[in-house]
Amino acid sequence: MRWSELLTHADSGRLSHTKLWANIASASSTGMFIYQGIHDTLTSETWLIYLGLVGGYAAALRLIAAWRSRPRPQDPPTT
């Protein structure tokens, strides 16, 4: 994987604002998570929120990708 794939659309190669801001949000929340862990201010609530948001975002992306790739009822089966 190239670093540019984190910020560009797979088909066109153009900047994807969705990918850009999602990765900025994930990076900044990871930075704060690490910062709080180093300074012993990390709480169980922060753990739950962080893991829920970062893990939930990844799970939602996979769910959407799977939903988009499933065959539609009106499409004929491929053989």
Foldseek 3Di string as FASTA:
>chain_A
DDPLVQAADPPPSHGDPVSVVVVVVLVVLVVVQVVCVVVVNDDVVSVVVNCCVVVVVVVVVVVVVVVVPDDDPVDDDDD
